[in-house]
């Protein structure tokens, strides 16, 4: 029989499970990767991907990323991808959650990414192309400050972008 206490417990269990599925509190660790740097591009040999070494908004200059990452709402990503394709070739896209998680390296201090491979990475959230199935308006994002994945970022929030393309 459902009484007020049982209904309250059922709702509490639902909201706790939703919270667990929308924020992954465990830091992810990079899987084994093999990167080959070619100027502003890094080849992920095992992943079969080309990565931009710099975040959108930065430029590759003197073997490093110069400037600040551009923080944009999700709606701006398509125009950024179009611009990248016009300037450096086709195939660029947002990485999947799994692809972006592969870049995480646990460091003594942020950002949690290999700074030799991806210099001057913004230590914050980056958009992925994956959407949380529980919250259709919430793309997954990866935080290079904490190394956590978040599945509840509102698309209007301004977040950094790093693009990838298949080899």
N, C-alpha and C. Protein backbone atom coordinates (compact mmCIF):
# COMPACT_ATOMS: atom_id res chain seq x y z
N UNK A 1 0.84 -1.18 0.00
CA UNK A 1 0.00 0.00 0.00
C UNK A 1 0.89 1.25 0.00
N UNK A 2 0.55 2.16 -0.87
CA UNK A 2 1.33 3.39 -0.96
C UNK A 2 0.79 4.44 0.00
N UNK A 3 1.61 4.83 0.93
CA UNK A 3 1.26 5.93 1.80
C UNK A 3 2.22 7.08 1.50
N UNK A 4 2.09 8.17 2.20
CA UNK A 4 2.91 9.36 1.93
C UNK A 4 4.40 9.07 2.09
N UNK A 5 4.78 8.28 3.08
CA UNK A 5 6.20 7.98 3.30
C UNK A 5 6.76 7.15 2.14
N UNK A 6 6.00 6.17 1.64
CA UNK A 6 6.47 5.35 0.53
C UNK A 6 6.59 6.17 -0.76
N UNK A 7 5.64 7.05 -1.00
CA UNK A 7 5.70 7.92 -2.18
C UNK A 7 6.91 8.83 -2.10
N UNK A 8 7.14 9.40 -0.91
CA UNK A 8 8.31 10.28 -0.73
C UNK A 8 9.59 9.51 -0.98
N UNK A 9 9.71 8.28 -0.47
CA UNK A 9 10.91 7.46 -0.69
C UNK A 9 11.08 7.11 -2.16
N UNK A 10 9.99 6.84 -2.87
CA UNK A 10 10.08 6.52 -4.30
C UNK A 10 10.60 7.72 -5.08
N UNK A 11 10.10 8.93 -4.79
CA UNK A 11 10.58 10.13 -5.46
C UNK A 11 12.04 10.40 -5.12
N UNK A 12 12.41 10.20 -3.86
CA UNK A 12 13.80 10.42 -3.45
C UNK A 12 14.73 9.48 -4.21
N UNK A 13 14.36 8.20 -4.33
CA UNK A 13 15.18 7.24 -5.08
C UNK A 13 15.29 7.65 -6.54
N UNK A 14 14.20 8.14 -7.14
CA UNK A 14 14.23 8.58 -8.53
C UNK A 14 15.20 9.75 -8.70
N UNK A 15 15.10 10.76 -7.85
CA UNK A 15 15.95 11.94 -7.99
C UNK A 15 17.42 11.62 -7.71
N UNK A 16 17.70 10.72 -6.79
CA UNK A 16 19.08 10.31 -6.54
C UNK A 16 19.62 9.59 -7.76
N UNK A 17 18.83 8.71 -8.37
CA UNK A 17 19.32 7.98 -9.55
C UNK A 17 19.53 8.93 -10.72
N UNK A 18 18.69 9.92 -10.89
CA UNK A 18 18.87 10.90 -11.95
C UNK A 18 20.16 11.68 -11.71
N UNK A 19 20.42 12.06 -10.48
CA UNK A 19 21.65 12.78 -10.16
C UNK A 19 22.88 11.96 -10.44
N UNK A 20 22.84 10.69 -10.14
CA UNK A 20 23.99 9.83 -10.39
C UNK A 20 24.23 9.69 -11.88
N UNK A 21 23.18 9.66 -12.67
CA UNK A 21 23.35 9.47 -14.11
C UNK A 21 23.68 10.76 -14.84
N UNK A 22 23.54 11.90 -14.21
CA UNK A 22 23.83 13.15 -14.90
C UNK A 22 25.15 13.77 -14.51
N UNK A 23 25.75 13.30 -13.44
CA UNK A 23 27.09 13.74 -13.04
C UNK A 23 27.87 12.50 -12.69
N UNK A 24 29.00 12.33 -13.33
CA UNK A 24 29.84 11.19 -13.01
C UNK A 24 30.88 11.67 -12.02
N UNK A 25 30.71 11.38 -10.73
CA UNK A 25 31.60 11.93 -9.71
C UNK A 25 32.98 11.26 -9.68
N UNK A 26 33.14 10.19 -10.42
CA UNK A 26 34.44 9.53 -10.44
C UNK A 26 35.32 10.21 -11.48
N UNK A 27 36.53 10.58 -11.13
CA UNK A 27 37.40 11.12 -12.17
C UNK A 27 37.72 10.03 -13.18
N UNK A 28 37.67 10.38 -14.43
CA UNK A 28 38.02 9.43 -15.47
C UNK A 28 39.53 9.51 -15.68
N UNK A 29 40.09 8.45 -16.16
CA UNK A 29 41.52 8.42 -16.43
C UNK A 29 41.72 8.11 -17.91
N UNK A 30 42.68 8.75 -18.50
CA UNK A 30 42.95 8.53 -19.91
C UNK A 30 43.31 7.07 -20.14
N UNK A 31 42.72 6.53 -21.19
CA UNK A 31 43.11 5.20 -21.61
C UNK A 31 44.46 5.34 -22.29
N UNK A 32 45.08 4.23 -22.57
CA UNK A 32 46.37 4.29 -23.24
C UNK A 32 46.20 5.00 -24.58
N UNK A 33 47.01 6.00 -24.80
CA UNK A 33 46.96 6.75 -26.05
C UNK A 33 48.36 6.88 -26.61
N UNK A 34 48.42 7.03 -27.89
CA UNK A 34 49.69 7.31 -28.56
C UNK A 34 49.47 8.54 -29.41
N UNK A 35 50.10 9.64 -29.03
CA UNK A 35 49.94 10.90 -29.76
C UNK A 35 51.20 11.20 -30.56
N UNK A 36 50.98 11.69 -31.77
CA UNK A 36 52.06 12.16 -32.62
C UNK A 36 51.74 13.60 -32.98
N UNK A 37 52.57 14.51 -32.51
CA UNK A 37 52.33 15.94 -32.73
C UNK A 37 52.82 16.34 -34.12
N UNK A 38 51.98 17.05 -34.85
CA UNK A 38 52.31 17.59 -36.17
C UNK A 38 51.87 19.05 -36.19
N UNK A 39 52.65 19.90 -35.55
CA UNK A 39 52.30 21.32 -35.48
C UNK A 39 51.01 21.52 -34.71
N UNK A 40 50.02 22.17 -35.33
CA UNK A 40 48.77 22.47 -34.62
C UNK A 40 47.81 21.28 -34.48
N UNK A 41 48.20 20.13 -35.05
CA UNK A 41 47.36 18.93 -35.01
C UNK A 41 48.10 17.84 -34.25
N UNK A 42 47.35 17.03 -33.51
CA UNK A 42 47.91 15.85 -32.84
C UNK A 42 47.17 14.64 -33.39
N UNK A 43 47.93 13.65 -33.80
CA UNK A 43 47.34 12.41 -34.28
C UNK A 43 47.25 11.44 -33.10
N UNK A 44 46.04 10.97 -32.84
CA UNK A 44 45.80 9.93 -31.84
C UNK A 44 45.83 8.62 -32.62
N UNK A 45 46.98 7.95 -32.61
CA UNK A 45 47.18 6.76 -33.43
C UNK A 45 46.21 5.65 -33.04
N UNK A 46 46.06 5.38 -31.75
CA UNK A 46 45.17 4.31 -31.31
C UNK A 46 43.70 4.65 -31.52
N UNK A 47 43.36 5.93 -31.37
CA UNK A 47 41.97 6.35 -31.55
C UNK A 47 41.59 6.62 -32.99
N UNK A 48 42.58 6.70 -33.88
CA UNK A 48 42.29 6.98 -35.28
C UNK A 48 41.73 8.37 -35.50
N UNK A 49 42.26 9.35 -34.74
CA UNK A 49 41.70 10.70 -34.77
C UNK A 49 42.80 11.75 -34.95
N UNK A 50 42.41 12.88 -35.53
CA UNK A 50 43.22 14.09 -35.52
C UNK A 50 42.57 15.04 -34.52
N UNK A 51 43.36 15.59 -33.60
CA UNK A 51 42.88 16.55 -32.61
C UNK A 51 43.48 17.91 -32.90
N UNK A 52 42.71 18.96 -32.71
CA UNK A 52 43.28 20.30 -32.68
C UNK A 52 44.02 20.43 -31.36
N UNK A 53 45.27 20.88 -31.42
CA UNK A 53 46.03 21.02 -30.17
C UNK A 53 45.52 22.18 -29.34
N UNK A 54 45.00 23.20 -30.00
CA UNK A 54 44.50 24.39 -29.30
C UNK A 54 42.98 24.35 -29.22
N UNK A 55 42.47 24.97 -28.20
CA UNK A 55 41.02 25.16 -28.07
C UNK A 55 40.60 26.22 -29.08
N UNK A 56 39.34 26.18 -29.48
CA UNK A 56 38.82 27.22 -30.36
C UNK A 56 38.99 28.57 -29.64
N UNK A 57 39.54 29.54 -30.37
CA UNK A 57 39.83 30.86 -29.80
C UNK A 57 41.32 31.08 -29.63
N UNK A 58 42.08 30.00 -29.53
CA UNK A 58 43.53 30.08 -29.43
C UNK A 58 44.15 29.87 -30.82
N UNK A 59 45.40 30.29 -30.97
CA UNK A 59 46.12 30.05 -32.22
C UNK A 59 47.43 29.34 -31.91
N UNK A 60 47.88 28.54 -32.87
CA UNK A 60 49.14 27.82 -32.75
C UNK A 60 50.26 28.75 -33.20
N UNK A 61 51.17 29.05 -32.29
CA UNK A 61 52.24 30.00 -32.58
C UNK A 61 53.47 29.63 -31.75
N UNK A 62 54.62 29.52 -32.39
CA UNK A 62 55.88 29.20 -31.69
C UNK A 62 55.76 27.93 -30.83
N UNK A 63 55.17 26.89 -31.39
CA UNK A 63 55.04 25.58 -30.74
C UNK A 63 54.20 25.59 -29.47
N UNK A 64 53.22 26.47 -29.40
CA UNK A 64 52.31 26.48 -28.26
C UNK A 64 50.98 27.12 -28.67
N UNK A 65 49.99 26.98 -27.82
CA UNK A 65 48.69 27.61 -28.04
C UNK A 65 48.70 28.97 -27.35
N UNK A 66 48.40 30.01 -28.12
CA UNK A 66 48.45 31.38 -27.63
C UNK A 66 47.03 31.94 -27.60
N UNK A 67 46.75 32.72 -26.57
CA UNK A 67 45.43 33.34 -26.44
C UNK A 67 44.56 32.56 -25.49
N UNK A 68 43.31 32.94 -25.46
CA UNK A 68 42.33 32.33 -24.54
C UNK A 68 41.31 31.51 -25.29
N UNK A 69 40.87 30.44 -24.67
CA UNK A 69 39.80 29.62 -25.24
C UNK A 69 38.53 30.46 -25.32
N UNK A 70 37.83 30.33 -26.42
CA UNK A 70 36.55 31.00 -26.60
C UNK A 70 35.48 30.15 -25.90
N UNK A 71 34.71 30.76 -25.02
CA UNK A 71 33.64 30.05 -24.33
C UNK A 71 32.33 30.40 -25.03
N UNK A 72 31.64 29.37 -25.53
CA UNK A 72 30.46 29.60 -26.37
C UNK A 72 29.29 28.73 -25.94
N UNK A 73 28.06 29.19 -26.22
CA UNK A 73 26.90 28.33 -26.01
C UNK A 73 26.89 27.23 -27.08
N UNK A 74 26.19 26.17 -26.82
CA UNK A 74 26.16 25.03 -27.72
C UNK A 74 25.69 25.42 -29.13
N UNK A 75 24.77 26.36 -29.23
CA UNK A 75 24.24 26.77 -30.53
C UNK A 75 25.31 27.37 -31.44
N UNK A 76 26.40 27.87 -30.89
CA UNK A 76 27.47 28.47 -31.69
C UNK A 76 28.44 27.45 -32.25
N UNK A 77 28.39 26.23 -31.78
CA UNK A 77 29.37 25.21 -32.17
C UNK A 77 29.32 24.94 -33.67
N UNK A 78 28.13 24.83 -34.26
CA UNK A 78 28.01 24.52 -35.69
C UNK A 78 28.73 25.55 -36.55
N UNK A 79 28.59 26.83 -36.23
CA UNK A 79 29.27 27.86 -37.03
C UNK A 79 30.79 27.79 -36.82
N UNK A 80 31.25 27.43 -35.64
CA UNK A 80 32.68 27.27 -35.40
C UNK A 80 33.24 26.10 -36.21
N UNK A 81 32.49 25.02 -36.30
CA UNK A 81 32.92 23.87 -37.09
C UNK A 81 32.98 24.25 -38.57
N UNK A 82 31.98 24.98 -39.06
CA UNK A 82 31.99 25.43 -40.47
C UNK A 82 33.23 26.28 -40.75
N UNK A 83 33.56 27.18 -39.85
CA UNK A 83 34.74 28.04 -40.03
C UNK A 83 36.02 27.19 -40.02
N UNK A 84 36.11 26.23 -39.14
CA UNK A 84 37.30 25.37 -39.09
C UNK A 84 37.44 24.58 -40.39
N UNK A 85 36.33 24.08 -40.91
CA UNK A 85 36.39 23.32 -42.16
C UNK A 85 36.80 24.19 -43.34
N UNK A 86 36.36 25.45 -43.37
CA UNK A 86 36.78 26.37 -44.44
C UNK A 86 38.27 26.65 -44.36
N UNK A 87 38.79 26.76 -43.14
CA UNK A 87 40.18 27.18 -42.96
C UNK A 87 41.19 26.03 -42.97
N UNK A 88 40.82 24.85 -42.45
CA UNK A 88 41.82 23.79 -42.35
C UNK A 88 41.34 22.43 -42.86
N UNK A 89 40.23 22.40 -43.57
CA UNK A 89 39.79 21.16 -44.19
C UNK A 89 38.56 20.54 -43.55
N UNK A 90 37.98 19.56 -44.24
CA UNK A 90 36.71 18.97 -43.80
C UNK A 90 36.85 17.94 -42.69
N UNK A 91 35.70 17.58 -42.13
CA UNK A 91 35.61 16.47 -41.19
C UNK A 91 35.63 16.81 -39.72
N UNK A 92 35.81 18.09 -39.37
CA UNK A 92 35.90 18.47 -37.95
C UNK A 92 34.54 18.36 -37.29
N UNK A 93 34.56 17.98 -36.02
CA UNK A 93 33.32 17.83 -35.23
C UNK A 93 33.67 17.91 -33.76
N UNK A 94 32.61 17.96 -32.93
CA UNK A 94 32.81 17.83 -31.49
C UNK A 94 33.17 16.38 -31.18
N UNK A 95 34.06 16.16 -30.24
CA UNK A 95 34.37 14.78 -29.85
C UNK A 95 33.22 14.18 -29.05
N UNK A 96 33.15 12.86 -29.07
CA UNK A 96 32.20 12.17 -28.19
C UNK A 96 32.71 12.29 -26.75
N UNK A 97 31.85 11.95 -25.82
CA UNK A 97 32.26 11.96 -24.41
C UNK A 97 33.46 11.04 -24.22
N UNK A 98 33.38 9.84 -24.77
CA UNK A 98 34.46 8.86 -24.61
C UNK A 98 35.77 9.36 -25.23
N UNK A 99 35.68 9.98 -26.40
CA UNK A 99 36.89 10.50 -27.05
C UNK A 99 37.55 11.58 -26.21
N UNK A 100 36.74 12.51 -25.70
CA UNK A 100 37.31 13.60 -24.91
C UNK A 100 37.86 13.09 -23.57
N UNK A 101 37.20 12.10 -23.00
CA UNK A 101 37.70 11.51 -21.75
C UNK A 101 39.06 10.85 -21.94
N UNK A 102 39.35 10.39 -23.15
CA UNK A 102 40.65 9.77 -23.43
C UNK A 102 41.81 10.75 -23.24
N UNK A 103 41.52 12.05 -23.26
CA UNK A 103 42.57 13.06 -23.13
C UNK A 103 42.91 13.37 -21.67
N UNK A 104 42.09 12.91 -20.75
CA UNK A 104 42.30 13.25 -19.34
C UNK A 104 43.53 12.53 -18.79
N UNK A 105 44.35 13.31 -18.12
CA UNK A 105 45.52 12.82 -17.40
C UNK A 105 45.45 13.43 -16.01
N UNK A 106 45.58 12.62 -14.99
CA UNK A 106 45.51 13.14 -13.62
C UNK A 106 46.86 13.77 -13.29
N UNK A 107 46.84 15.09 -13.13
CA UNK A 107 48.03 15.88 -12.81
C UNK A 107 47.94 16.37 -11.37
N UNK A 108 49.07 16.81 -10.80
CA UNK A 108 49.03 17.36 -9.44
C UNK A 108 48.15 18.60 -9.34
N UNK A 109 48.02 19.34 -10.44
CA UNK A 109 47.13 20.51 -10.46
C UNK A 109 46.55 20.66 -11.86
N UNK A 110 45.40 21.32 -11.96
CA UNK A 110 44.73 21.47 -13.26
C UNK A 110 45.58 22.28 -14.24
N UNK A 111 45.33 22.11 -15.51
CA UNK A 111 44.32 21.25 -16.13
C UNK A 111 44.76 19.79 -16.18
N UNK A 112 43.76 18.93 -16.20
CA UNK A 112 43.99 17.49 -16.19
C UNK A 112 44.12 16.96 -17.62
N UNK A 113 45.19 17.36 -18.28
CA UNK A 113 45.48 16.98 -19.65
C UNK A 113 46.99 17.09 -19.84
N UNK A 114 47.54 16.36 -20.77
CA UNK A 114 48.98 16.42 -21.03
C UNK A 114 49.30 17.77 -21.67
N UNK A 115 49.93 18.65 -20.90
CA UNK A 115 50.23 20.01 -21.38
C UNK A 115 51.31 20.01 -22.46
N UNK A 116 52.08 18.94 -22.57
CA UNK A 116 53.05 18.87 -23.66
C UNK A 116 52.36 18.62 -25.00
N UNK A 117 51.28 17.87 -24.96
CA UNK A 117 50.52 17.56 -26.17
C UNK A 117 49.49 18.65 -26.46
N UNK A 118 48.80 19.13 -25.43
CA UNK A 118 47.76 20.14 -25.56
C UNK A 118 48.10 21.33 -24.66
N UNK A 119 49.05 22.18 -25.08
CA UNK A 119 49.51 23.27 -24.21
C UNK A 119 48.45 24.34 -23.97
N UNK A 120 48.50 24.91 -22.77
CA UNK A 120 47.62 26.02 -22.38
C UNK A 120 46.14 25.69 -22.52
N UNK A 121 45.78 24.46 -22.19
CA UNK A 121 44.38 24.06 -22.23
C UNK A 121 43.60 24.78 -21.14
N UNK A 122 42.45 25.28 -21.50
CA UNK A 122 41.55 25.93 -20.55
C UNK A 122 41.15 24.92 -19.47
N UNK A 123 41.32 25.24 -18.20
CA UNK A 123 41.00 24.29 -17.13
C UNK A 123 39.53 24.37 -16.71
N UNK A 124 38.66 23.99 -17.62
CA UNK A 124 37.23 24.06 -17.34
C UNK A 124 36.47 23.10 -18.23
N UNK A 125 35.19 23.42 -18.45
CA UNK A 125 34.30 22.55 -19.22
C UNK A 125 34.53 22.65 -20.72
N UNK A 126 34.41 21.50 -21.41
CA UNK A 126 34.47 21.40 -22.86
C UNK A 126 33.23 20.64 -23.34
N UNK A 127 32.61 21.15 -24.41
CA UNK A 127 31.45 20.48 -25.00
C UNK A 127 31.86 19.15 -25.63
N UNK A 128 30.94 18.18 -25.57
CA UNK A 128 31.06 16.96 -26.37
C UNK A 128 29.86 16.92 -27.31
N UNK A 129 29.89 16.00 -28.25
CA UNK A 129 28.77 15.84 -29.18
C UNK A 129 27.71 14.89 -28.65
N UNK A 130 27.88 14.35 -27.47
CA UNK A 130 26.93 13.39 -26.89
C UNK A 130 25.94 14.10 -25.98
N UNK A 131 24.69 13.68 -26.08
CA UNK A 131 23.63 14.22 -25.25
C UNK A 131 23.25 13.21 -24.18
N UNK A 132 22.97 13.71 -22.99
CA UNK A 132 22.50 12.86 -21.89
C UNK A 132 21.11 12.34 -22.25
N UNK A 133 20.93 11.05 -22.26
CA UNK A 133 19.65 10.47 -22.65
C UNK A 133 18.53 10.81 -21.67
N UNK A 134 18.85 11.18 -20.44
CA UNK A 134 17.83 11.56 -19.46
C UNK A 134 17.40 13.01 -19.60
N UNK A 135 18.28 13.83 -20.16
CA UNK A 135 18.01 15.26 -20.27
C UNK A 135 18.37 15.69 -21.69
N UNK A 136 17.40 15.64 -22.60
CA UNK A 136 17.67 15.82 -24.02
C UNK A 136 18.26 17.19 -24.36
N UNK A 137 18.13 18.16 -23.49
CA UNK A 137 18.70 19.48 -23.74
C UNK A 137 20.05 19.64 -23.05
N UNK A 138 20.67 18.54 -22.64
CA UNK A 138 21.91 18.63 -21.87
C UNK A 138 23.01 17.77 -22.49
N UNK A 139 23.88 18.40 -23.27
CA UNK A 139 25.03 17.65 -23.80
C UNK A 139 26.00 17.31 -22.67
N UNK A 140 26.71 16.23 -22.83
CA UNK A 140 27.76 15.89 -21.89
C UNK A 140 28.90 16.88 -22.07
N UNK A 141 29.56 17.19 -20.98
CA UNK A 141 30.76 18.03 -21.03
C UNK A 141 31.81 17.39 -20.13
N UNK A 142 33.06 17.68 -20.45
CA UNK A 142 34.18 17.16 -19.68
C UNK A 142 34.89 18.34 -19.04
N UNK A 143 35.17 18.24 -17.75
CA UNK A 143 35.81 19.32 -17.03
C UNK A 143 37.29 19.00 -16.83
N UNK A 144 38.16 19.78 -17.47
CA UNK A 144 39.59 19.55 -17.35
C UNK A 144 40.19 20.19 -16.10
N UNK A 145 39.35 20.76 -15.25
CA UNK A 145 39.80 21.20 -13.93
C UNK A 145 39.66 20.04 -12.94
N UNK A 146 38.52 19.36 -13.00
CA UNK A 146 38.24 18.29 -12.04
C UNK A 146 38.47 16.89 -12.61
N UNK A 147 38.46 16.75 -13.92
CA UNK A 147 38.52 15.48 -14.66
C UNK A 147 37.19 14.74 -14.63
N UNK A 148 36.11 15.40 -14.25
CA UNK A 148 34.80 14.77 -14.19
C UNK A 148 34.02 15.02 -15.47
N UNK A 149 33.09 14.11 -15.74
CA UNK A 149 32.14 14.26 -16.84
C UNK A 149 30.81 14.74 -16.26
N UNK A 150 30.16 15.67 -16.94
CA UNK A 150 28.88 16.22 -16.49
C UNK A 150 27.85 16.08 -17.59
N UNK A 151 26.69 15.58 -17.24
CA UNK A 151 25.62 15.37 -18.22
C UNK A 151 24.43 16.26 -18.01
N UNK A 152 24.66 17.44 -17.45
CA UNK A 152 23.52 18.32 -17.20
C UNK A 152 23.80 19.77 -17.57
N UNK A 153 24.76 19.99 -18.44
CA UNK A 153 25.07 21.36 -18.85
C UNK A 153 23.95 21.90 -19.75
N UNK A 154 23.41 23.02 -19.39
CA UNK A 154 22.41 23.69 -20.20
C UNK A 154 23.08 24.20 -21.47
N UNK A 155 22.42 24.05 -22.61
CA UNK A 155 23.02 24.44 -23.90
C UNK A 155 23.29 25.94 -24.00
N UNK A 156 22.71 26.73 -23.11
CA UNK A 156 22.98 28.18 -23.15
C UNK A 156 24.23 28.55 -22.37
N UNK A 157 24.73 27.63 -21.59
CA UNK A 157 25.96 27.87 -20.82
C UNK A 157 27.14 28.03 -21.78
N UNK A 158 28.09 28.88 -21.44
CA UNK A 158 29.24 29.07 -22.31
C UNK A 158 30.37 28.13 -21.87
N UNK A 159 30.84 27.34 -22.82
CA UNK A 159 31.79 26.26 -22.56
C UNK A 159 32.84 26.27 -23.67
N UNK A 160 34.03 25.75 -23.39
CA UNK A 160 35.11 25.69 -24.37
C UNK A 160 34.88 24.57 -25.39
N UNK A 161 35.62 24.67 -26.50
CA UNK A 161 35.48 23.70 -27.59
C UNK A 161 36.86 23.27 -28.08
N UNK A 162 37.03 21.97 -28.24
CA UNK A 162 38.21 21.41 -28.92
C UNK A 162 37.65 20.44 -29.96
N UNK A 163 38.09 20.57 -31.20
CA UNK A 163 37.54 19.77 -32.29
C UNK A 163 38.43 18.58 -32.63
N UNK A 164 37.81 17.59 -33.24
CA UNK A 164 38.46 16.35 -33.62
C UNK A 164 37.91 15.93 -34.99
N UNK A 165 38.68 15.10 -35.70
CA UNK A 165 38.17 14.53 -36.95
C UNK A 165 38.77 13.13 -37.10
N UNK A 166 38.02 12.26 -37.78
CA UNK A 166 38.55 10.91 -38.02
C UNK A 166 39.72 10.97 -39.00
N UNK A 167 40.65 10.06 -38.85
CA UNK A 167 41.80 9.98 -39.78
C UNK A 167 41.40 9.24 -41.03
